[in-house]
Every structure is written in structure tokens, then in C-alpha cells.
Amino acid sequence: MCPLVRHITARFAREDTDMDDLFQEGCIGLIKALESYNPERGIKFSTYAVPFMLGEIRLMGCRKNGRAESLPEKRTVLLAFYLI
């Protein structure tokens, strides 16, 4: 069941964190990466997908903590760049 997503979500494991929620967000990032991946660019898919998964997991943390709007503008633009 998606070893790459499990590996990434394990980095965020804490007692107060639901692993299923982390896995779901990681899968959303994986799907976004699949939709925009271009193998002709010569980048391994796993290398390309990891920032998408990390971005979704971090956004989940921001939404849970009510900090999604407090991200500095520059970081928000960079994050949006990686999610597109």
C-alpha cells in the first residue's frame, strides 16, 4: 500500500497525530504529482513526488492549527509553485 507515502508519513508520526490522516494527505500529494509528472524531463518519479506529498502533509498541519492564512507570502507562493 504505497510504500513511498508510508515512508514519508512516518517522518511526521507523533502520539497526537492520526496516521490515517497523514496517509490520506500524502496520497493527495501523490495524485497531484501523478497528474503533472512528465517523464521526458528525466526526473525520477519518487524524487518529483516527495515535495508534493510533504506539501500536502504540512498544509494539513497548518489547517489543523489554524495557521493556513498566516504563512508568509513568499512561502505561500513557493508552496503553490510546488503544488501546481
PDB file of N, CA and C in Angstrom:
ATOM      1  N   MET A   1       0.831  -1.197   0.000  1.00  0.00           N
ATOM      2  CA  MET A   1       0.000   0.000   0.000  1.00  0.00           C
ATOM      3  C   MET A   1       0.870   1.252   0.000  1.00  0.00           C
ATOM      4  N   CYS A   2       1.301   1.687  -1.139  1.00  0.00           N
ATOM      5  CA  CYS A   2       2.085   2.918  -1.322  1.00  0.00           C
ATOM      6  C   CYS A   2       3.236   3.050  -0.322  1.00  0.00           C
ATOM      7  N   PRO A   3       4.291   2.267  -0.482  1.00  0.00           N
ATOM      8  CA  PRO A   3       5.415   2.343   0.453  1.00  0.00           C
ATOM      9  C   PRO A   3       6.041   3.732   0.527  1.00  0.00           C
ATOM     10  N   LEU A   4       6.061   4.457  -0.584  1.00  0.00           N
ATOM     11  CA  LEU A   4       6.650   5.794  -0.570  1.00  0.00           C
ATOM     12  C   LEU A   4       5.842   6.732   0.326  1.00  0.00           C
ATOM     13  N   VAL A   5       4.522   6.659   0.235  1.00  0.00           N
ATOM     14  CA  VAL A   5       3.672   7.508   1.083  1.00  0.00           C
ATOM     15  C   VAL A   5       3.849   7.121   2.545  1.00  0.00           C
ATOM     16  N   ARG A   6       3.886   5.829   2.838  1.00  0.00           N
ATOM     17  CA  ARG A   6       4.093   5.371   4.227  1.00  0.00           C
ATOM     18  C   ARG A   6       5.433   5.866   4.769  1.00  0.00           C
ATOM     19  N   HIS A   7       6.461   5.812   3.951  1.00  0.00           N
ATOM     20  CA  HIS A   7       7.786   6.264   4.377  1.00  0.00           C
ATOM     21  C   HIS A   7       7.764   7.762   4.720  1.00  0.00           C
ATOM     22  N   ILE A   8       7.131   8.552   3.882  1.00  0.00           N
ATOM     23  CA  ILE A   8       7.066   9.999   4.116  1.00  0.00           C
ATOM     24  C   ILE A   8       6.229  10.309   5.353  1.00  0.00           C
ATOM     25  N   THR A   9       5.080   9.662   5.501  1.00  0.00           N
ATOM     26  CA  THR A   9       4.212   9.959   6.645  1.00  0.00           C
ATOM     27  C   THR A   9       4.842   9.520   7.961  1.00  0.00           C
ATOM     28  N   ALA A  10       5.697   8.510   7.931  1.00  0.00           N
ATOM     29  CA  ALA A  10       6.354   8.055   9.161  1.00  0.00           C
ATOM     30  C   ALA A  10       7.228   9.153   9.755  1.00  0.00           C
ATOM     31  N   ARG A  11       7.716  10.052   8.914  1.00  0.00           N
ATOM     32  CA  ARG A  11       8.552  11.154   9.399  1.00  0.00           C
ATOM     33  C   ARG A  11       7.752  12.140  10.249  1.00  0.00           C
ATOM     34  N   PHE A  12       6.431  12.135  10.113  1.00  0.00           N
ATOM     35  CA  PHE A  12       5.581  13.069  10.838  1.00  0.00           C
ATOM     36  C   PHE A  12       4.839  12.402  11.991  1.00  0.00           C
ATOM     37  N   ALA A  13       5.130  11.145  12.257  1.00  0.00           N
ATOM     38  CA  ALA A  13       4.396  10.390  13.266  1.00  0.00           C
ATOM     39  C   ALA A  13       4.639  10.950  14.662  1.00  0.00           C
ATOM     40  N   ARG A  14       3.552  11.212  15.343  1.00  0.00           N
ATOM     41  CA  ARG A  14       3.574  11.632  16.749  1.00  0.00           C
ATOM     42  C   ARG A  14       2.397  10.970  17.446  1.00  0.00           C
ATOM     43  N   GLU A  15       2.398  11.049  18.747  1.00  0.00           N
ATOM     44  CA  GLU A  15       1.309  10.450  19.503  1.00  0.00           C
ATOM     45  C   GLU A  15      -0.029  11.116  19.209  1.00  0.00           C
ATOM     46  N   ASP A  16      -0.017  12.431  18.999  1.00  0.00           N
ATOM     47  CA  ASP A  16      -1.264  13.168  18.798  1.00  0.00           C
ATOM     48  C   ASP A  16      -1.670  13.277  17.326  1.00  0.00           C
ATOM     49  N   THR A  17      -1.004  12.537  16.448  1.00  0.00           N
ATOM     50  CA  THR A  17      -1.277  12.614  15.018  1.00  0.00           C
ATOM     51  C   THR A  17      -1.907  11.315  14.536  1.00  0.00           C
ATOM     52  N   ASP A  18      -2.983  11.437  13.790  1.00  0.00           N
ATOM     53  CA  ASP A  18      -3.646  10.269  13.220  1.00  0.00           C
ATOM     54  C   ASP A  18      -2.911   9.856  11.946  1.00  0.00           C
ATOM     55  N   MET A  19      -2.333   8.672  11.950  1.00  0.00           N
ATOM     56  CA  MET A  19      -1.552   8.202  10.805  1.00  0.00           C
ATOM     57  C   MET A  19      -2.409   8.056   9.548  1.00  0.00           C
ATOM     58  N   ASP A  20      -3.681   7.725   9.717  1.00  0.00           N
ATOM     59  CA  ASP A  20      -4.561   7.616   8.550  1.00  0.00           C
ATOM     60  C   ASP A  20      -4.755   8.971   7.879  1.00  0.00           C
ATOM     61  N   ASP A  21      -4.870  10.031   8.680  1.00  0.00           N
ATOM     62  CA  ASP A  21      -4.987  11.379   8.117  1.00  0.00           C
ATOM     63  C   ASP A  21      -3.721  11.754   7.355  1.00  0.00           C
ATOM     64  N   LEU A  22      -2.571  11.460   7.952  1.00  0.00           N
ATOM     65  CA  LEU A  22      -1.310  11.748   7.276  1.00  0.00           C
ATOM     66  C   LEU A  22      -1.203  10.975   5.964  1.00  0.00           C
ATOM     67  N   PHE A  23      -1.592   9.709   6.005  1.00  0.00           N
ATOM     68  CA  PHE A  23      -1.520   8.881   4.804  1.00  0.00           C
ATOM     69  C   PHE A  23      -2.432   9.432   3.709  1.00  0.00           C
ATOM     70  N   GLN A  24      -3.638   9.847   4.092  1.00  0.00           N
ATOM     71  CA  GLN A  24      -4.570  10.418   3.117  1.00  0.00           C
ATOM     72  C   GLN A  24      -3.993  11.663   2.461  1.00  0.00           C
ATOM     73  N   GLU A  25      -3.437  12.542   3.260  1.00  0.00           N
ATOM     74  CA  GLU A  25      -2.855  13.768   2.710  1.00  0.00           C
ATOM     75  C   GLU A  25      -1.665  13.449   1.813  1.00  0.00           C
ATOM     76  N   GLY A  26      -0.870  12.476   2.220  1.00  0.00           N
ATOM     77  CA  GLY A  26       0.245  12.053   1.381  1.00  0.00           C
ATOM     78  C   GLY A  26      -0.231  11.502   0.046  1.00  0.00           C
ATOM     79  N   CYS A  27      -1.329  10.760   0.064  1.00  0.00           N
ATOM     80  CA  CYS A  27      -1.898  10.225  -1.180  1.00  0.00           C
ATOM     81  C   CYS A  27      -2.427  11.341  -2.075  1.00  0.00           C
ATOM     82  N   ILE A  28      -2.997  12.382  -1.479  1.00  0.00           N
ATOM     83  CA  ILE A  28      -3.449  13.531  -2.272  1.00  0.00           C
ATOM     84  C   ILE A  28      -2.253  14.162  -2.977  1.00  0.00           C
ATOM     85  N   GLY A  29      -1.162  14.320  -2.251  1.00  0.00           N
ATOM     86  CA  GLY A  29       0.052  14.850  -2.864  1.00  0.00           C
ATOM     87  C   GLY A  29       0.574  13.948  -3.967  1.00  0.00           C
ATOM     88  N   LEU A  30       0.494  12.642  -3.756  1.00  0.00           N
ATOM     89  CA  LEU A  30       0.930  11.676  -4.761  1.00  0.00           C
ATOM     90  C   LEU A  30       0.087  11.797  -6.030  1.00  0.00           C
ATOM     91  N   ILE A  31      -1.211  11.957  -5.866  1.00  0.00           N
ATOM     92  CA  ILE A  31      -2.104  12.111  -7.017  1.00  0.00           C
ATOM     93  C   ILE A  31      -1.794  13.398  -7.770  1.00  0.00           C
ATOM     94  N   LYS A  32      -1.552  14.480  -7.034  1.00  0.00           N
ATOM     95  CA  LYS A  32      -1.198  15.744  -7.694  1.00  0.00           C
ATOM     96  C   LYS A  32       0.100  15.600  -8.478  1.00  0.00           C
ATOM     97  N   ALA A  33       1.044  14.861  -7.916  1.00  0.00           N
ATOM     98  CA  ALA A  33       2.304  14.631  -8.621  1.00  0.00           C
ATOM     99  C   ALA A  33       2.076  13.795  -9.878  1.00  0.00           C
ATOM    100  N   LEU A  34       1.230  12.778  -9.776  1.00  0.00           N
ATOM    101  CA  LEU A  34       0.922  11.941 -10.942  1.00  0.00           C
ATOM    102  C   LEU A  34       0.307  12.755 -12.071  1.00  0.00           C
ATOM    103  N   GLU A  35      -0.559  13.690 -11.708  1.00  0.00           N
ATOM    104  CA  GLU A  35      -1.254  14.491 -12.712  1.00  0.00           C
ATOM    105  C   GLU A  35      -0.317  15.421 -13.473  1.00  0.00           C
ATOM    106  N   SER A  36       0.771  15.825 -12.852  1.00  0.00           N
ATOM    107  CA  SER A  36       1.637  16.807 -13.511  1.00  0.00           C
ATOM    108  C   SER A  36       3.023  16.262 -13.886  1.00  0.00           C
ATOM    109  N   TYR A  37       3.274  14.996 -13.616  1.00  0.00           N
ATOM    110  CA  TYR A  37       4.593  14.410 -13.883  1.00  0.00           C
ATOM    111  C   TYR A  37       4.844  14.265 -15.381  1.00  0.00           C
ATOM    112  N   ASN A  38       6.045  14.614 -15.791  1.00  0.00           N
ATOM    113  CA  ASN A  38       6.463  14.474 -17.186  1.00  0.00           C
ATOM    114  C   ASN A  38       7.770  13.677 -17.206  1.00  0.00           C
ATOM    115  N   PRO A  39       7.714  12.394 -17.581  1.00  0.00           N
ATOM    116  CA  PRO A  39       8.923  11.563 -17.561  1.00  0.00           C
ATOM    117  C   PRO A  39       9.999  12.029 -18.541  1.00  0.00           C
ATOM    118  N   GLU A  40       9.614  12.824 -19.524  1.00  0.00           N
ATOM    119  CA  GLU A  40      10.584  13.310 -20.507  1.00  0.00           C
ATOM    120  C   GLU A  40      11.586  14.291 -19.902  1.00  0.00           C
ATOM    121  N   ARG A  41      11.291  14.795 -18.720  1.00  0.00           N
ATOM    122  CA  ARG A  41      12.200  15.739 -18.065  1.00  0.00           C
ATOM    123  C   ARG A  41      13.388  15.039 -17.409  1.00  0.00           C
ATOM    124  N   GLY A  42      13.341  13.718 -17.330  1.00  0.00           N
ATOM    125  CA  GLY A  42      14.474  12.961 -16.806  1.00  0.00           C
ATOM    126  C   GLY A  42      14.572  12.920 -15.291  1.00  0.00           C
ATOM    127  N   ILE A  43      13.490  13.194 -14.591  1.00  0.00           N
ATOM    128  CA  ILE A  43      13.477  13.167 -13.126  1.00  0.00           C
ATOM    129  C   ILE A  43      12.755  11.896 -12.678  1.00  0.00           C
ATOM    130  N   LYS A  44      13.337  11.199 -11.687  1.00  0.00           N
ATOM    131  CA  LYS A  44      12.660  10.026 -11.140  1.00  0.00           C
ATOM    132  C   LYS A  44      11.333  10.462 -10.529  1.00  0.00           C
ATOM    133  N   PHE A  45      10.311   9.608 -10.677  1.00  0.00           N
ATOM    134  CA  PHE A  45       9.001   9.982 -10.147  1.00  0.00           C
ATOM    135  C   PHE A  45       9.042  10.172  -8.638  1.00  0.00           C
ATOM    136  N   SER A  46       9.750   9.318  -7.931  1.00  0.00           N
ATOM    137  CA  SER A  46       9.793   9.442  -6.469  1.00  0.00           C
ATOM    138  C   SER A  46      10.411  10.775  -6.051  1.00  0.00           C
ATOM    139  N   THR A  47      11.440  11.206  -6.754  1.00  0.00           N
ATOM    140  CA  THR A  47      12.069  12.499  -6.460  1.00  0.00           C
ATOM    141  C   THR A  47      11.093  13.637  -6.712  1.00  0.00           C
ATOM    142  N   TYR A  48      10.313  13.516  -7.756  1.00  0.00           N
ATOM    143  CA  TYR A  48       9.337  14.540  -8.117  1.00  0.00           C
ATOM    144  C   TYR A  48       8.163  14.562  -7.134  1.00  0.00           C
ATOM    145  N   ALA A  49       7.728  13.385  -6.675  1.00  0.00           N
ATOM    146  CA  ALA A  49       6.515  13.275  -5.872  1.00  0.00           C
ATOM    147  C   ALA A  49       6.694  13.682  -4.413  1.00  0.00           C
ATOM    148  N   VAL A  50       7.872  13.503  -3.856  1.00  0.00           N
ATOM    149  CA  VAL A  50       8.074  13.772  -2.428  1.00  0.00           C
ATOM    150  C   VAL A  50       7.695  15.201  -2.033  1.00  0.00           C
ATOM    151  N   PRO A  51       8.108  16.250  -2.751  1.00  0.00           N
ATOM    152  CA  PRO A  51       7.691  17.602  -2.348  1.00  0.00           C
ATOM    153  C   PRO A  51       6.174  17.800  -2.374  1.00  0.00           C
ATOM    154  N   PHE A  52       5.483  17.138  -3.290  1.00  0.00           N
ATOM    155  CA  PHE A  52       4.025  17.230  -3.338  1.00  0.00           C
ATOM    156  C   PHE A  52       3.413  16.622  -2.077  1.00  0.00           C
ATOM    157  N   MET A  53       3.919  15.454  -1.689  1.00  0.00           N
ATOM    158  CA  MET A  53       3.394  14.786  -0.500  1.00  0.00           C
ATOM    159  C   MET A  53       3.695  15.592   0.757  1.00  0.00           C
ATOM    160  N   LEU A  54       4.926  16.073   0.875  1.00  0.00           N
ATOM    161  CA  LEU A  54       5.298  16.879   2.039  1.00  0.00           C
ATOM    162  C   LEU A  54       4.451  18.142   2.113  1.00  0.00           C
ATOM    163  N   GLY A  55       4.207  18.760   0.976  1.00  0.00           N
ATOM    164  CA  GLY A  55       3.395  19.975   0.944  1.00  0.00           C
ATOM    165  C   GLY A  55       1.990  19.733   1.452  1.00  0.00           C
ATOM    166  N   GLU A  56       1.374  18.653   1.021  1.00  0.00           N
ATOM    167  CA  GLU A  56       0.014  18.347   1.472  1.00  0.00           C
ATOM    168  C   GLU A  56      -0.019  18.033   2.964  1.00  0.00           C
ATOM    169  N   ILE A  57       0.960  17.290   3.440  1.00  0.00           N
ATOM    170  CA  ILE A  57       1.000  16.950   4.866  1.00  0.00           C
ATOM    171  C   ILE A  57       1.207  18.209   5.700  1.00  0.00           C
ATOM    172  N   ARG A  58       2.089  19.084   5.260  1.00  0.00           N
ATOM    173  CA  ARG A  58       2.327  20.331   6.001  1.00  0.00           C
ATOM    174  C   ARG A  58       1.107  21.233   5.971  1.00  0.00           C
ATOM    175  N   LEU A  59       0.413  21.279   4.833  1.00  0.00           N
ATOM    176  CA  LEU A  59      -0.814  22.073   4.761  1.00  0.00           C
ATOM    177  C   LEU A  59      -1.862  21.538   5.725  1.00  0.00           C
ATOM    178  N   MET A  60      -1.929  20.214   5.871  1.00  0.00           N
ATOM    179  CA  MET A  60      -2.866  19.628   6.818  1.00  0.00           C
ATOM    180  C   MET A  60      -2.556  20.123   8.230  1.00  0.00           C
ATOM    181  N   GLY A  61      -1.277  20.154   8.571  1.00  0.00           N
ATOM    182  CA  GLY A  61      -0.877  20.649   9.885  1.00  0.00           C
ATOM    183  C   GLY A  61      -1.247  22.102  10.073  1.00  0.00           C
ATOM    184  N   CYS A  62      -1.089  22.897   9.043  1.00  0.00           N
ATOM    185  CA  CYS A  62      -1.462  24.314   9.115  1.00  0.00           C
ATOM    186  C   CYS A  62      -2.962  24.470   9.294  1.00  0.00           C
ATOM    187  N   ARG A  63      -3.731  23.683   8.554  1.00  0.00           N
ATOM    188  CA  ARG A  63      -5.192  23.777   8.661  1.00  0.00           C
ATOM    189  C   ARG A  63      -5.653  23.362  10.048  1.00  0.00           C
ATOM    190  N   LYS A  64      -5.044  22.314  10.602  1.00  0.00           N
ATOM    191  CA  LYS A  64      -5.445  21.856  11.935  1.00  0.00           C
ATOM    192  C   LYS A  64      -5.096  22.874  13.016  1.00  0.00           C
ATOM    193  N   ASN A  65      -3.976  23.569  12.829  1.00  0.00           N
ATOM    194  CA  ASN A  65      -3.537  24.549  13.815  1.00  0.00           C
ATOM    195  C   ASN A  65      -4.094  25.941  13.546  1.00  0.00           C
ATOM    196  N   GLY A  66      -4.876  26.078  12.490  1.00  0.00           N
ATOM    197  CA  GLY A  66      -5.452  27.374  12.165  1.00  0.00           C
ATOM    198  C   GLY A  66      -4.434  28.365  11.654  1.00  0.00           C
ATOM    199  N   ARG A  67      -3.345  27.878  11.058  1.00  0.00           N
ATOM    200  CA  ARG A  67      -2.292  28.778  10.602  1.00  0.00           C
ATOM    201  C   ARG A  67      -2.174  28.840   9.085  1.00  0.00           C
ATOM    202  N   ALA A  68      -3.145  28.339   8.360  1.00  0.00           N
ATOM    203  CA  ALA A  68      -3.033  28.305   6.902  1.00  0.00           C
ATOM    204  C   ALA A  68      -2.924  29.706   6.313  1.00  0.00           C
ATOM    205  N   GLU A  69      -3.593  30.687   6.903  1.00  0.00           N
ATOM    206  CA  GLU A  69      -3.549  32.043   6.377  1.00  0.00           C
ATOM    207  C   GLU A  69      -2.332  32.815   6.861  1.00  0.00           C
ATOM    208  N   SER A  70      -1.625  32.314   7.851  1.00  0.00           N
ATOM    209  CA  SER A  70      -0.519  33.077   8.417  1.00  0.00           C
ATOM    210  C   SER A  70       0.830  32.765   7.767  1.00  0.00           C
ATOM    211  N   LEU A  71       0.838  31.947   6.722  1.00  0.00           N
ATOM    212  CA  LEU A  71       2.099  31.674   6.039  1.00  0.00           C
ATOM    213  C   LEU A  71       2.587  32.943   5.359  1.00  0.00           C
ATOM    214  N   PRO A  72       3.857  33.257   5.473  1.00  0.00           N
ATOM    215  CA  PRO A  72       4.383  34.427   4.768  1.00  0.00           C
ATOM    216  C   PRO A  72       4.134  34.301   3.268  1.00  0.00           C
ATOM    217  N   GLU A  73       3.925  35.436   2.616  1.00  0.00           N
ATOM    218  CA  GLU A  73       3.546  35.437   1.202  1.00  0.00           C
ATOM    219  C   GLU A  73       4.557  34.692   0.332  1.00  0.00           C
ATOM    220  N   LYS A  74       5.839  34.894   0.575  1.00  0.00           N
ATOM    221  CA  LYS A  74       6.867  34.249  -0.242  1.00  0.00           C
ATOM    222  C   LYS A  74       6.777  32.729  -0.130  1.00  0.00           C
ATOM    223  N   ARG A  75       6.588  32.222   1.070  1.00  0.00           N
ATOM    224  CA  ARG A  75       6.483  30.776   1.262  1.00  0.00           C
ATOM    225  C   ARG A  75       5.211  30.240   0.629  1.00  0.00           C
ATOM    226  N   THR A  76       4.134  31.018   0.691  1.00  0.00           N
ATOM    227  CA  THR A  76       2.883  30.589   0.085  1.00  0.00           C
ATOM    228  C   THR A  76       3.041  30.470  -1.423  1.00  0.00           C
ATOM    229  N   VAL A  77       3.712  31.430  -2.032  1.00  0.00           N
ATOM    230  CA  VAL A  77       3.935  31.389  -3.474  1.00  0.00           C
ATOM    231  C   VAL A  77       4.807  30.194  -3.836  1.00  0.00           C
ATOM    232  N   LEU A  78       5.866  29.946  -3.075  1.00  0.00           N
ATOM    233  CA  LEU A  78       6.728  28.794  -3.345  1.00  0.00           C
ATOM    234  C   LEU A  78       5.967  27.487  -3.177  1.00  0.00           C
ATOM    235  N   LEU A  79       5.146  27.413  -2.138  1.00  0.00           N
ATOM    236  CA  LEU A  79       4.362  26.213  -1.897  1.00  0.00           C
ATOM    237  C   LEU A  79       3.378  25.995  -3.041  1.00  0.00           C
ATOM    238  N   ALA A  80       2.731  27.063  -3.480  1.00  0.00           N
ATOM    239  CA  ALA A  80       1.799  26.950  -4.597  1.00  0.00           C
ATOM    240  C   ALA A  80       2.525  26.488  -5.858  1.00  0.00           C
ATOM    241  N   PHE A  81       3.750  26.948  -6.049  1.00  0.00           N
ATOM    242  CA  PHE A  81       4.542  26.537  -7.213  1.00  0.00           C
ATOM    243  C   PHE A  81       4.754  25.028  -7.218  1.00  0.00           C
ATOM    244  N   TYR A  82       5.053  24.454  -6.061  1.00  0.00           N
ATOM    245  CA  TYR A  82       5.301  23.019  -5.987  1.00  0.00           C
ATOM    246  C   TYR A  82       4.018  22.204  -6.087  1.00  0.00           C
ATOM    247  N   LEU A  83       2.887  22.792  -5.742  1.00  0.00           N
ATOM    248  CA  LEU A  83       1.627  22.060  -5.782  1.00  0.00           C
ATOM    249  C   LEU A  83       0.973  22.103  -7.154  1.00  0.00           C
ATOM    250  N   ILE A  84       1.408  22.996  -7.996  1.00  0.00           N
ATOM    251  CA  ILE A  84       0.797  23.120  -9.328  1.00  0.00           C
ATOM    252  C   ILE A  84       1.449  22.146 -10.280  1.00  0.00           C
TER     253      ILE A  84
END
